C-alpha cells in the first residue's frame, strides 16, 4: 500500500529480457552522508524489520533503504537497473533462466562480505519460511537458485516470467547476511543487517533511527547524515501538530486529505510548509463475492457500476487528493485503458442501472451491505463507503448500509465468504501491469471473491507474463480489462496521488514519490 513538483506520468519501458548492465562510474566509493539529519513523521507502522516477513508499505520503506536488491528502480523510472548486481539478464529464449553477476567489494553494514551465497540464502530462506505476512507469495514461479561461484547467481523459473526482474528489484528481493539470519525462522529482535545506503541503528514502538552505511557500495550517495522516523500509529491530528510545531521535518503517508488541502491552500506567511505531490499507482476497488446471493448477480454489479459517481466521491471524501479510476491497470502503467468508463460512463445513470436490475429479474429495492475497515486502506475508507452507500440509496434502486470492522476480523470474514461487497486497496509491489492483474484475477487471487475466468487464467495472464517486450502486451491487457468490465468482479474506484508535506528547508522529496513506490531516504536534504 496514495501543489508543487508534480511528477510526469511514468510509462513502463521495454527490454526486460535484455541484459541490464551498470554504467561506468556508477558505484559510490564514499558513501558517507553529508548534510543535516532528517526527522520524518509517518502514521503507518513498520510491521517487520525482517524481509522474509513484512508485505506492507511501512516495512518496504525500511527494506528499500537498509537492504540492497540485485536490481532497483531509479528515481523517476519504472524499469529496474543494476544495484548489488553488475549485470543481469535472461540467458535463454524462454525467459526461464535469469543470471546475475555481483559487483566487486560488496559488504554488509557489519563488515561481512556479500557474495552469491547470501543472495541464494535470502531467496531460499524467504521461500522456506513462507511467512503469511511476507513476500514469498510473489515467487510461485521460482524453482531454484544456484550460486556457482562467489559472484554469480542463477535463478531457474518453473515457467516463463518476464516480470521476474521487477519482482527481485522490489523489497521482496532484499539480500540478508547468511551469517546473522536464521535459515528457517524470522528474526524477532527488531534489528536488521543489510548492505543498503542506510543502516538501522534502533527500532522501537515510537521511532526508528537510521544512519548512513559507510560500507555501502552502490549507485547512490545520501544527501543527509541520517533519518529518524517517528511513528504516529494512525493519529493524523498528532502528525499534523508535530509538523506545525516543527517536531518533524516532513510528514509522509498519513495526513488526512483535508489536512493536505488546508495546508496547500493556506496563503498565510511564516508557516514555511509546502505540499509535494508525486505520481502513485496505489488503487482502491470495490470487490464482489461472486458466491453471494445478491452481489453474485451480474445485474446487481452492473447497476452499481452505472450508479457510482467517482468524481463526487474523490471531491467530497478525498479533497481531490485522488483521481477517479476507470481501469484495472492505473494511469502511468503500460496497458492502462478505461474499460469501465467505456462500458458504464462517468456520470451516474439511474435508467441504465434500473435496466440492468430488470434484466436480472429484480424489481424491488436491493438490500445491500458494504463492508469496510477503518484504517488499513486509508483513514477515509469508512467515509468513502458511506458516500457510495448514499449514492446507491439515493437512486431509489438500493437500500445500502455500511458496516466497518477491525482489519484482523475483516480479513477472516472475507476468507470465510461472509461479505457480499467489500473494499480492497492495493499498493503495487512493482510497476508493471502484471502486478495489477495476476494477483486479482489469477489462480488463488488475493481478493478471495471466487472469481475465475478461464480466458484470463489460461491464456492472457500466462501469455503476458512471458512477453519480454512489455509494450507488446497492450492488446492482451486491453482484452483482459474488457473482460473484467463485462464480468464486474470488482469496480475500480480511485487512483491515489502521493504526497509528502515538509518544512520549506527540506529538499528532494519529488524524487521519493513516483510509481515505483520506493521512498528514497538518500534523496532528502535539509538546510
Protein backbone atom coordinates (compact mmCIF):
# COMPACT_ATOMS: atom_id res chain seq x y z
CA UNK A 1 0.00 0.00 0.00
CA UNK A 2 -1.98 7.16 -2.30
CA UNK A 3 0.69 21.68 -5.14
CA UNK A 4 4.14 21.72 -6.40
CA UNK A 5 6.61 19.48 -8.19
CA UNK A 6 4.09 17.14 -9.77
CA UNK A 7 5.94 14.32 -11.46
CA UNK A 8 5.22 13.33 -15.05
CA UNK A 9 3.24 10.22 -15.90
CA UNK A 10 5.57 7.26 -15.92
CA UNK A 11 5.45 4.51 -18.52
CA UNK A 12 6.95 1.07 -18.15
CA UNK A 13 9.58 0.65 -20.86
CA UNK A 14 10.63 -2.38 -22.82
CA UNK A 15 13.61 -4.65 -22.76
CA UNK A 16 13.33 -6.69 -19.57
CA UNK A 17 14.83 -9.68 -21.31
CA UNK A 18 17.85 -7.71 -22.43
CA UNK A 19 20.95 -7.58 -20.29
CA UNK A 20 20.99 -4.98 -17.55
CA UNK A 21 24.48 -3.55 -17.14
CA UNK A 22 25.65 -1.00 -14.64
CA UNK A 23 27.09 2.15 -16.22
CA UNK A 24 30.72 3.13 -15.77
CA UNK A 25 31.40 5.06 -12.62
CA UNK A 26 28.01 4.28 -11.07
CA UNK A 27 29.45 2.78 -7.92
CA UNK A 28 29.99 5.06 -4.98
CA UNK A 29 33.32 4.75 -3.25
CA UNK A 30 32.49 7.10 -0.38
CA UNK A 31 29.01 6.56 0.99
CA UNK A 32 29.30 8.87 3.97
CA UNK A 33 26.28 11.15 4.02
CA UNK A 34 26.51 14.91 4.14
CA UNK A 35 24.05 17.46 5.42
CA UNK A 36 21.76 17.57 8.42
CA UNK A 37 19.82 14.60 9.78
CA UNK A 38 16.12 14.49 8.87
CA UNK A 39 13.15 13.67 11.12
CA UNK A 40 10.16 12.18 9.34
CA UNK A 41 6.68 11.56 10.72
CA UNK A 42 4.56 8.69 9.46
CA UNK A 43 1.19 7.37 10.57
CA UNK A 44 1.82 3.94 9.01
CA UNK A 45 3.57 1.40 11.18
CA UNK A 46 6.56 -0.68 10.12
CA UNK A 47 5.27 -4.19 10.73
CA UNK A 48 8.55 -6.04 10.14
CA UNK A 49 12.30 -5.48 10.02
CA UNK A 50 12.96 -8.92 8.52
CA UNK A 51 12.48 -9.02 4.72
CA UNK A 52 11.14 -12.59 4.87
CA UNK A 53 8.09 -11.10 6.57
CA UNK A 54 6.66 -7.62 6.04
CA UNK A 55 4.43 -7.11 3.00
CA UNK A 56 3.24 -3.61 3.84
CA UNK A 57 4.27 -0.09 2.73
CA UNK A 58 5.97 0.77 6.02
CA UNK A 59 8.12 -2.35 6.08
CA UNK A 60 9.12 -1.99 2.44
CA UNK A 61 10.16 1.59 3.11
CA UNK A 62 12.65 0.18 5.62
CA UNK A 63 13.76 -2.65 3.30
CA UNK A 64 14.37 -0.33 0.35
CA UNK A 65 16.76 1.83 2.38
CA UNK A 66 18.54 -0.73 4.59
CA UNK A 67 18.92 -3.67 2.20
CA UNK A 68 20.22 -3.99 -1.33
CA UNK A 69 18.49 -5.98 -4.04
CA UNK A 70 20.22 -7.22 -7.16
CA UNK A 71 18.30 -4.59 -9.10
CA UNK A 72 16.49 -1.41 -8.12
CA UNK A 73 14.18 1.18 -9.62
CA UNK A 74 15.87 4.51 -10.44
CA UNK A 75 14.19 7.75 -9.44
CA UNK A 76 11.51 8.67 -11.95
CA UNK A 77 11.79 5.29 -13.70
CA UNK A 78 9.94 2.00 -13.72
CA UNK A 79 12.46 -0.28 -15.43
CA UNK A 80 14.88 -1.97 -13.00
CA UNK A 81 18.58 -1.22 -13.14
CA UNK A 82 21.55 -2.99 -11.54
CA UNK A 83 22.16 -2.29 -7.84
CA UNK A 84 24.04 -5.05 -5.99
CA UNK A 85 24.46 -6.70 -9.38
CA UNK A 86 26.90 -5.51 -12.02
CA UNK A 87 24.71 -7.02 -14.71
CA UNK A 88 21.68 -9.30 -15.04
CA UNK A 89 19.95 -10.95 -17.98
CA UNK A 90 17.82 -13.83 -19.13
CA UNK A 91 20.19 -16.37 -20.61
CA UNK A 92 17.60 -18.38 -22.53
CA UNK A 93 14.97 -17.55 -25.12
CA UNK A 94 12.07 -18.67 -22.93
CA UNK A 95 12.66 -16.19 -20.05
CA UNK A 96 13.09 -19.07 -17.60
CA UNK A 97 16.78 -18.74 -16.65
CA UNK A 98 17.92 -15.46 -15.14
CA UNK A 99 21.56 -14.84 -14.26
CA UNK A 100 23.22 -12.01 -12.34
CA UNK A 101 26.85 -11.10 -11.70
CA UNK A 102 27.56 -9.22 -8.47
CA UNK A 103 29.61 -6.05 -8.16
CA UNK A 104 33.03 -6.14 -6.55
CA UNK A 105 33.57 -5.24 -2.90
CA UNK A 106 30.02 -5.57 -1.61
CA UNK A 107 29.75 -5.63 2.18
CA UNK A 108 27.03 -5.70 4.79
CA UNK A 109 26.90 -2.94 7.39
CA UNK A 110 28.57 -5.28 9.93
CA UNK A 111 31.59 -5.72 7.63
CA UNK A 112 30.73 -9.21 6.35
CA UNK A 113 31.28 -9.66 2.60
CA UNK A 114 28.18 -10.04 0.43
CA UNK A 115 28.51 -12.91 -2.04
CA UNK A 116 26.24 -15.00 -4.21
CA UNK A 117 25.85 -17.35 -1.24
CA UNK A 118 23.96 -14.59 0.59
CA UNK A 119 21.69 -13.99 -2.41
CA UNK A 120 20.81 -17.67 -2.69
CA UNK A 121 20.34 -17.88 1.08
CA UNK A 122 17.98 -14.88 1.08
CA UNK A 123 15.63 -16.31 -1.55
CA UNK A 124 15.79 -19.89 -0.22
CA UNK A 125 15.10 -18.59 3.28
CA UNK A 126 12.14 -16.45 2.25
CA UNK A 127 10.52 -19.36 0.40
CA UNK A 128 11.23 -21.84 3.21
CA UNK A 129 9.79 -19.61 5.93
CA UNK A 130 6.86 -18.75 3.64
CA UNK A 131 5.52 -16.26 6.16
CA UNK A 132 1.83 -15.48 5.73
CA UNK A 133 2.64 -11.77 6.06
CA UNK A 134 5.68 -11.98 3.79
CA UNK A 135 6.57 -11.67 0.09
CA UNK A 136 7.06 -15.38 -0.71
CA UNK A 137 3.64 -15.23 -2.38
CA UNK A 138 5.28 -13.22 -5.18
CA UNK A 139 7.52 -16.10 -6.28
CA UNK A 140 5.42 -19.14 -7.26
CA UNK A 141 7.48 -19.26 -10.47
CA UNK A 142 10.85 -19.63 -8.71
CA UNK A 143 12.12 -23.19 -8.99
CA UNK A 144 15.70 -22.93 -7.71
CA UNK A 145 18.55 -20.53 -7.01
CA UNK A 146 22.18 -21.52 -7.65
CA UNK A 147 25.45 -19.85 -6.70
CA UNK A 148 28.07 -21.49 -8.96
CA UNK A 149 30.75 -19.05 -7.78
CA UNK A 150 31.04 -16.10 -5.41
CA UNK A 151 29.89 -13.55 -7.99
CA UNK A 152 27.25 -15.45 -9.96
CA UNK A 153 23.60 -16.14 -9.13
CA UNK A 154 21.35 -18.21 -11.40
CA UNK A 155 17.57 -18.32 -10.99
CA UNK A 156 15.67 -21.12 -12.71
CA UNK A 157 11.96 -20.50 -13.12
CA UNK A 158 9.22 -23.11 -13.28
CA UNK A 159 7.55 -21.15 -16.07
CA UNK A 160 8.28 -18.09 -18.16
CA UNK A 161 8.03 -14.79 -16.33
CA UNK A 162 9.46 -11.68 -17.98
CA UNK A 163 8.45 -9.63 -14.93
CA UNK A 164 10.89 -11.51 -12.69
CA UNK A 165 13.50 -8.67 -12.82
CA UNK A 166 10.90 -6.22 -11.48
CA UNK A 167 9.96 -8.61 -8.69
CA UNK A 168 13.52 -9.03 -7.45
CA UNK A 169 14.06 -5.25 -7.71
CA UNK A 170 11.32 -4.70 -5.13
CA UNK A 171 11.54 -5.02 -1.37
CA UNK A 172 10.93 -8.74 -1.84
CA UNK A 173 14.44 -9.06 -3.29
CA UNK A 174 16.25 -7.77 -0.19
CA UNK A 175 19.57 -9.56 0.43
CA UNK A 176 20.38 -10.60 4.02
CA UNK A 177 23.61 -11.82 5.65
CA UNK A 178 23.55 -15.62 5.91
CA UNK A 179 25.80 -15.42 8.98
CA UNK A 180 23.33 -13.49 11.15
CA UNK A 181 19.88 -14.54 9.88
CA UNK A 182 18.44 -17.97 10.76
CA UNK A 183 17.64 -20.08 7.73
CA UNK A 184 14.26 -21.29 8.92
CA UNK A 185 12.89 -18.61 11.26
CA UNK A 186 12.29 -14.87 11.38
CA UNK A 187 14.41 -12.51 13.44
CA UNK A 188 12.36 -11.15 16.30
CA UNK A 189 14.88 -8.69 17.80
CA UNK A 190 13.90 -5.65 15.74
CA UNK A 191 17.37 -5.42 14.24
CA UNK A 192 18.46 -5.52 10.61
CA UNK A 193 21.76 -6.12 8.83
CA UNK A 194 21.82 -5.08 5.20
CA UNK A 195 24.12 -3.60 2.59
CA UNK A 196 21.95 -0.67 1.50
CA UNK A 197 22.66 3.06 1.79
CA UNK A 198 21.44 3.17 5.41
CA UNK A 199 21.76 1.02 8.49
CA UNK A 200 19.15 0.59 11.19
CA UNK A 201 20.57 1.82 14.49
CA UNK A 202 17.47 1.28 16.62
CA UNK A 203 13.85 0.30 16.18
CA UNK A 204 11.13 0.77 18.77
CA UNK A 205 7.42 1.32 19.14
CA UNK A 206 7.55 5.06 18.57
CA UNK A 207 10.62 5.61 16.39
CA UNK A 208 13.27 4.09 14.15
CA UNK A 209 16.72 5.62 13.76
CA UNK A 210 18.81 5.21 10.61
CA UNK A 211 22.37 6.35 9.91
CA UNK A 212 24.34 6.31 6.68
CA UNK A 213 26.00 2.96 5.96
CA UNK A 214 29.67 3.66 5.29
CA UNK A 215 30.14 0.14 3.91
CA UNK A 216 27.59 0.68 1.11
CA UNK A 217 28.82 0.18 -2.43
CA UNK A 218 26.22 1.16 -4.96
CA UNK A 219 24.91 3.84 -7.24
CA UNK A 220 23.58 6.49 -4.84
CA UNK A 221 25.06 8.95 -2.35
CA UNK A 222 22.96 10.07 0.62
CA UNK A 223 22.26 13.79 0.83
CA UNK A 224 21.74 13.68 4.61
CA UNK A 225 23.60 12.24 7.56
CA UNK A 226 20.72 10.13 8.82
CA UNK A 227 16.94 9.75 9.08
CA UNK A 228 14.70 9.25 12.10
CA UNK A 229 11.13 8.06 11.62
CA UNK A 230 8.60 8.92 14.31
CA UNK A 231 5.56 6.65 14.27
CA UNK A 232 2.15 8.18 14.95
CA UNK A 233 0.17 4.91 14.72
CA UNK A 234 -2.66 6.30 12.63
CA UNK A 235 -3.07 9.50 14.68
CA UNK A 236 -3.37 12.04 11.86
CA UNK A 237 -4.04 15.04 14.06
CA UNK A 238 -0.93 14.34 16.15
CA UNK A 239 1.16 14.04 12.98
CA UNK A 240 -0.15 17.35 11.65
CA UNK A 241 0.50 19.02 15.01
CA UNK A 242 4.06 17.69 15.12
CA UNK A 243 4.72 19.11 11.65
CA UNK A 244 3.28 22.52 12.50
CA UNK A 245 5.25 22.59 15.76
CA UNK A 246 8.49 21.74 13.93
CA UNK A 247 8.86 18.45 15.81
CA UNK A 248 9.25 16.68 12.47
CA UNK A 249 10.73 17.95 9.21
CA UNK A 250 8.28 16.15 6.96
CA UNK A 251 5.14 14.02 7.06
CA UNK A 252 4.64 11.06 4.74
CA UNK A 253 1.74 8.56 4.47
CA UNK A 254 -0.87 9.57 6.96
CA UNK A 255 -2.06 13.16 6.82
CA UNK A 256 -5.78 13.42 6.15
CA UNK A 257 -6.79 14.64 2.71
CA UNK A 258 -8.46 17.65 4.36
CA UNK A 259 -5.22 18.50 6.19
CA UNK A 260 -3.22 18.32 2.97
CA UNK A 261 -5.75 20.56 1.24
CA UNK A 262 -5.79 23.03 4.16
CA UNK A 263 -2.00 23.28 4.19
CA UNK A 264 -1.81 23.62 0.42
CA UNK A 265 -4.48 26.33 0.35
CA UNK A 266 -3.13 28.29 3.32
CA UNK A 267 -1.64 31.52 1.96
CA UNK A 268 -0.54 32.85 5.34
CA UNK A 269 3.12 33.72 5.65
CA UNK A 270 5.51 32.34 8.18
CA UNK A 271 4.33 28.75 8.30
CA UNK A 272 7.08 27.57 5.99
CA UNK A 273 5.35 24.33 4.93
CA UNK A 274 4.98 23.00 1.41
CA UNK A 275 2.99 20.15 -0.10
CA UNK A 276 4.91 17.99 -2.56
CA UNK A 277 2.81 15.93 -4.97
CA UNK A 278 4.05 12.92 -6.87
CA UNK A 279 2.58 10.18 -9.00
CA UNK A 280 1.30 6.97 -7.49
CA UNK A 281 -0.03 3.65 -8.72
CA UNK A 282 -1.93 2.92 -5.49
CA UNK A 283 -5.53 1.95 -6.27
CA UNK A 284 -8.73 1.04 -4.50
CA UNK A 285 -11.53 -1.26 -5.67
CA UNK A 286 -14.97 -2.36 -4.62
CA UNK A 287 -14.88 -6.17 -4.61
CA UNK A 288 -17.83 -8.52 -5.13
CA UNK A 289 -18.15 -12.02 -3.69
CA UNK A 290 -19.30 -13.99 -6.71
CA UNK A 291 -20.89 -16.62 -4.44
CA UNK A 292 -23.04 -14.11 -2.55
CA UNK A 293 -26.82 -14.40 -3.15
CA UNK A 294 -27.11 -10.72 -4.05
CA UNK A 295 -23.65 -9.48 -5.10
CA UNK A 296 -23.22 -12.67 -7.14
CA UNK A 297 -25.85 -11.42 -9.59
CA UNK A 298 -24.33 -9.71 -12.62
CA UNK A 299 -27.27 -7.28 -12.88
CA UNK A 300 -26.63 -6.02 -9.34
CA UNK A 301 -22.96 -5.48 -10.00
CA UNK A 302 -23.63 -3.68 -13.27
CA UNK A 303 -26.25 -1.48 -11.60
CA UNK A 304 -23.68 -0.39 -9.02
CA UNK A 305 -21.20 0.33 -11.80
CA UNK A 306 -23.78 2.56 -13.51
CA UNK A 307 -24.54 4.46 -10.28
CA UNK A 308 -21.06 5.05 -8.87
CA UNK A 309 -20.11 8.73 -9.06
CA UNK A 310 -16.33 8.72 -8.72
CA UNK A 311 -15.94 12.44 -9.40
CA UNK A 312 -18.20 13.37 -6.49
CA UNK A 313 -16.52 10.79 -4.28
CA UNK A 314 -12.93 11.97 -4.76
CA UNK A 315 -14.04 15.59 -4.41
CA UNK A 316 -16.13 15.11 -1.27
CA UNK A 317 -14.12 12.49 0.60
CA UNK A 318 -10.59 12.94 -0.70
CA UNK A 319 -10.47 16.68 -1.49
CA UNK A 320 -9.14 15.75 -4.94
CA UNK A 321 -6.07 14.06 -3.48
CA UNK A 322 -7.07 11.06 -5.60
CA UNK A 323 -8.34 10.72 -9.16
CA UNK A 324 -11.27 8.67 -10.49
CA UNK A 325 -10.18 5.27 -11.76
CA UNK A 326 -11.94 3.54 -14.65
CA UNK A 327 -9.46 0.75 -15.28
CA UNK A 328 -7.83 -2.18 -13.56
CA UNK A 329 -4.38 -1.02 -14.64
CA UNK A 330 -3.83 2.55 -13.40
CA UNK A 331 -2.62 5.54 -15.37
CA UNK A 332 1.15 5.62 -15.81
CA UNK A 333 1.47 1.84 -16.22
CA UNK A 334 1.74 0.05 -19.57
CA UNK A 335 -1.63 -1.36 -20.67
CA UNK A 336 -3.76 1.31 -19.00
CA UNK A 337 -7.14 1.87 -20.62
CA UNK A 338 -10.56 2.99 -19.44
CA UNK A 339 -12.76 -0.10 -19.91
CA UNK A 340 -15.17 0.85 -17.10
CA UNK A 341 -15.58 4.38 -18.49
CA UNK A 342 -16.34 2.93 -21.92
CA UNK A 343 -18.85 0.41 -20.52
CA UNK A 344 -20.59 2.43 -17.80
CA UNK A 345 -19.74 6.10 -18.37
CA UNK A 346 -18.50 8.75 -15.97
CA UNK A 347 -21.92 10.09 -14.94
CA UNK A 348 -24.43 8.05 -12.93
CA UNK A 349 -27.30 6.63 -14.95
CA UNK A 350 -30.34 5.52 -12.97
CA UNK A 351 -32.08 4.39 -16.15
CA UNK A 352 -29.26 2.03 -17.16
CA UNK A 353 -28.92 0.76 -13.61
CA UNK A 354 -32.62 0.01 -13.43
CA UNK A 355 -32.46 -1.78 -16.78
CA UNK A 356 -29.57 -3.95 -15.53
CA UNK A 357 -31.61 -4.93 -12.47
CA UNK A 358 -34.71 -5.70 -14.54
CA UNK A 359 -32.62 -7.89 -16.84
CA UNK A 360 -31.63 -9.86 -13.73
CA UNK A 361 -35.30 -10.23 -12.72
CA UNK A 362 -35.05 -7.72 -9.86
CA UNK A 363 -37.87 -5.20 -9.50
CA UNK A 364 -37.78 -4.11 -5.84
CA UNK A 365 -35.13 -2.18 -3.94
CA UNK A 366 -31.94 -4.17 -3.50
CA UNK A 367 -30.81 -4.60 0.14
CA UNK A 368 -27.02 -4.32 0.27
CA UNK A 369 -24.33 -4.08 2.93
CA UNK A 370 -20.98 -2.55 2.04
CA UNK A 371 -18.19 -3.80 4.31
CA UNK A 372 -15.30 -1.56 5.30
CA UNK A 373 -12.28 -1.50 7.61
CA UNK A 374 -11.35 1.83 9.20
CA UNK A 375 -7.66 2.43 8.51
CA UNK A 376 -5.87 -0.30 6.57
CA UNK A 377 -6.71 1.19 3.17
CA UNK A 378 -6.59 4.80 4.30
CA UNK A 379 -8.24 6.77 7.09
CA UNK A 380 -11.11 7.95 4.87
CA UNK A 381 -12.22 4.44 3.86
CA UNK A 382 -15.29 4.33 6.10
CA UNK A 383 -16.45 7.74 4.87
CA UNK A 384 -15.84 6.64 1.29
CA UNK A 385 -18.05 3.56 1.69
CA UNK A 386 -20.77 5.64 3.37
CA UNK A 387 -20.70 8.04 0.43
CA UNK A 388 -21.05 5.16 -2.04
CA UNK A 389 -23.92 3.73 0.02
CA UNK A 390 -25.70 7.11 -0.10
CA UNK A 391 -25.24 7.29 -3.86
CA UNK A 392 -26.82 3.86 -4.26
CA UNK A 393 -29.68 4.55 -1.84
CA UNK A 394 -30.48 7.97 -3.31
CA UNK A 395 -31.01 6.32 -6.69
CA UNK A 396 -34.09 4.66 -5.24
CA UNK A 397 -32.86 1.27 -6.50
CA UNK A 398 -30.90 0.16 -3.42
CA UNK A 399 -31.18 0.13 0.36
CA UNK A 400 -27.48 0.30 1.11
CA UNK A 401 -25.78 0.35 4.52
CA UNK A 402 -22.17 0.22 5.70
CA UNK A 403 -20.54 -1.86 8.39
CA UNK A 404 -16.90 -1.42 9.45
CA UNK A 405 -14.82 -3.95 11.39
CA UNK A 406 -11.16 -4.09 12.51
CA UNK A 407 -8.78 -5.35 9.85
CA UNK A 408 -7.98 -8.68 11.52
CA UNK A 409 -11.64 -9.64 11.65
CA UNK A 410 -12.24 -8.15 8.22
CA UNK A 411 -9.67 -10.45 6.58
CA UNK A 412 -11.03 -13.54 8.35
CA UNK A 413 -14.61 -12.78 7.34
CA UNK A 414 -13.65 -12.18 3.70
CA UNK A 415 -11.81 -15.51 3.61
CA UNK A 416 -14.90 -17.17 5.12
CA UNK A 417 -17.12 -15.65 2.41
CA UNK A 418 -19.23 -13.63 4.85
CA UNK A 419 -19.29 -10.38 2.86
CA UNK A 420 -21.03 -9.65 -0.43
CA UNK A 421 -19.37 -6.30 -1.18
CA UNK A 422 -16.17 -5.05 0.39
CA UNK A 423 -13.25 -2.71 -0.23
CA UNK A 424 -9.64 -3.55 -1.06
CA UNK A 425 -6.70 -1.24 -1.56
CA UNK A 426 -3.51 -2.11 -3.44
CA UNK A 427 -0.06 -0.57 -3.32
CA UNK A 428 1.91 -2.26 -6.12
CA UNK A 429 4.93 -4.44 -5.44
CA UNK A 430 6.46 -3.38 -8.76
CA UNK A 431 5.26 -1.00 -11.51
CA UNK A 432 4.16 -3.48 -14.17
CA UNK A 433 0.63 -4.34 -15.41
CA UNK A 434 1.16 -7.92 -14.25
CA UNK A 435 1.01 -6.71 -10.64
CA UNK A 436 -2.46 -5.24 -11.15
CA UNK A 437 -3.92 -8.29 -12.88
CA UNK A 438 -2.36 -11.62 -11.85
CA UNK A 439 -2.89 -11.09 -8.08
CA UNK A 440 -6.54 -10.12 -8.62
CA UNK A 441 -7.67 -12.42 -11.41
CA UNK A 442 -5.12 -15.23 -11.50
CA UNK A 443 -5.35 -18.57 -9.78
CA UNK A 444 -5.70 -18.24 -6.00
CA UNK A 445 -6.29 -14.47 -6.26
CA UNK A 446 -5.75 -12.27 -3.21
CA UNK A 447 -9.28 -10.86 -3.33
CA UNK A 448 -10.92 -14.09 -2.09
CA UNK A 449 -14.00 -13.28 -4.15
CA UNK A 450 -14.35 -16.60 -6.01
CA UNK A 451 -13.97 -15.04 -9.44
CA UNK A 452 -12.47 -17.16 -12.20
CA UNK A 453 -12.33 -16.63 -15.95
CA UNK A 454 -10.62 -19.33 -17.99
CA UNK A 455 -9.54 -16.92 -20.75
CA UNK A 456 -7.78 -14.73 -18.21
CA UNK A 457 -6.16 -17.51 -16.18
CA UNK A 458 -5.46 -19.94 -19.02
CA UNK A 459 -4.40 -17.58 -21.77
CA UNK A 460 -3.95 -13.88 -21.02
CA UNK A 461 -2.02 -13.98 -17.75
CA UNK A 462 0.50 -16.66 -18.85
CA UNK A 463 0.92 -15.00 -22.26
CA UNK A 464 1.55 -11.52 -20.89
CA UNK A 465 3.89 -12.81 -18.18
CA UNK A 466 6.09 -14.50 -20.77
CA UNK A 467 6.38 -11.46 -23.05
CA UNK A 468 9.73 -9.71 -22.58
CA UNK A 469 8.69 -6.67 -24.62
CA UNK A 470 6.20 -5.21 -22.16
CA UNK A 471 4.77 -2.75 -24.71
CA UNK A 472 3.79 -5.76 -26.84
CA UNK A 473 1.31 -6.83 -24.14
CA UNK A 474 -1.07 -3.91 -24.71
CA UNK A 475 -3.63 -5.81 -26.79
CA UNK A 476 -3.83 -8.70 -24.33
CA UNK A 477 -4.13 -6.41 -21.33
CA UNK A 478 -6.82 -4.47 -23.19
CA UNK A 479 -8.77 -7.68 -23.70
CA UNK A 480 -8.31 -8.68 -20.07
CA UNK A 481 -9.64 -5.35 -18.83
CA UNK A 482 -12.64 -5.51 -21.17
CA UNK A 483 -13.49 -8.97 -19.80
CA UNK A 484 -13.31 -7.69 -16.22
CA UNK A 485 -15.52 -4.71 -17.09
CA UNK A 486 -18.08 -7.12 -18.56
CA UNK A 487 -17.99 -9.60 -15.66
CA UNK A 488 -17.62 -6.91 -12.93
CA UNK A 489 -15.94 -8.97 -10.17
CA UNK A 490 -14.53 -5.64 -8.99
CA UNK A 491 -15.17 -1.95 -9.68
CA UNK A 492 -12.10 0.30 -9.72
CA UNK A 493 -12.83 3.43 -7.69
CA UNK A 494 -9.78 5.69 -7.40
CA UNK A 495 -6.08 6.04 -8.02
CA UNK A 496 -4.09 7.86 -5.37
CA UNK A 497 -1.79 10.79 -5.70
CA UNK A 498 1.29 10.60 -3.49
CA UNK A 499 2.03 13.41 -1.08
CA UNK A 500 4.67 14.48 1.36
CA UNK A 501 4.30 17.63 3.43
CA UNK A 502 7.53 19.25 4.56
CA UNK A 503 9.21 22.28 6.03
CA UNK A 504 10.43 24.59 3.29
CA UNK A 505 14.07 23.81 4.06
CA UNK A 506 13.62 20.15 3.09
CA UNK A 507 14.53 19.24 -0.48
CA UNK A 508 14.45 16.25 -2.82
CA UNK A 509 11.04 14.81 -1.95
CA UNK A 510 9.92 14.91 -5.59
CA UNK A 511 12.42 12.08 -6.17
CA UNK A 512 10.75 9.95 -3.45
CA UNK A 513 7.23 9.98 -4.86
CA UNK A 514 6.88 8.02 -8.09
CA UNK A 515 5.17 4.93 -9.46
CA UNK A 516 7.90 2.61 -8.20
CA UNK A 517 6.65 3.30 -4.63
CA UNK A 518 10.28 3.48 -3.43
CA UNK A 519 10.72 6.23 -0.81
CA UNK A 520 14.40 7.12 -1.21
CA UNK A 521 15.92 8.41 2.03
CA UNK A 522 19.11 9.29 0.19
CA UNK A 523 17.43 11.95 -1.97
CA UNK A 524 16.29 14.06 1.01
CA UNK A 525 18.35 17.01 2.20
CA UNK A 526 17.75 19.69 4.80
CA UNK A 527 19.17 23.12 5.29
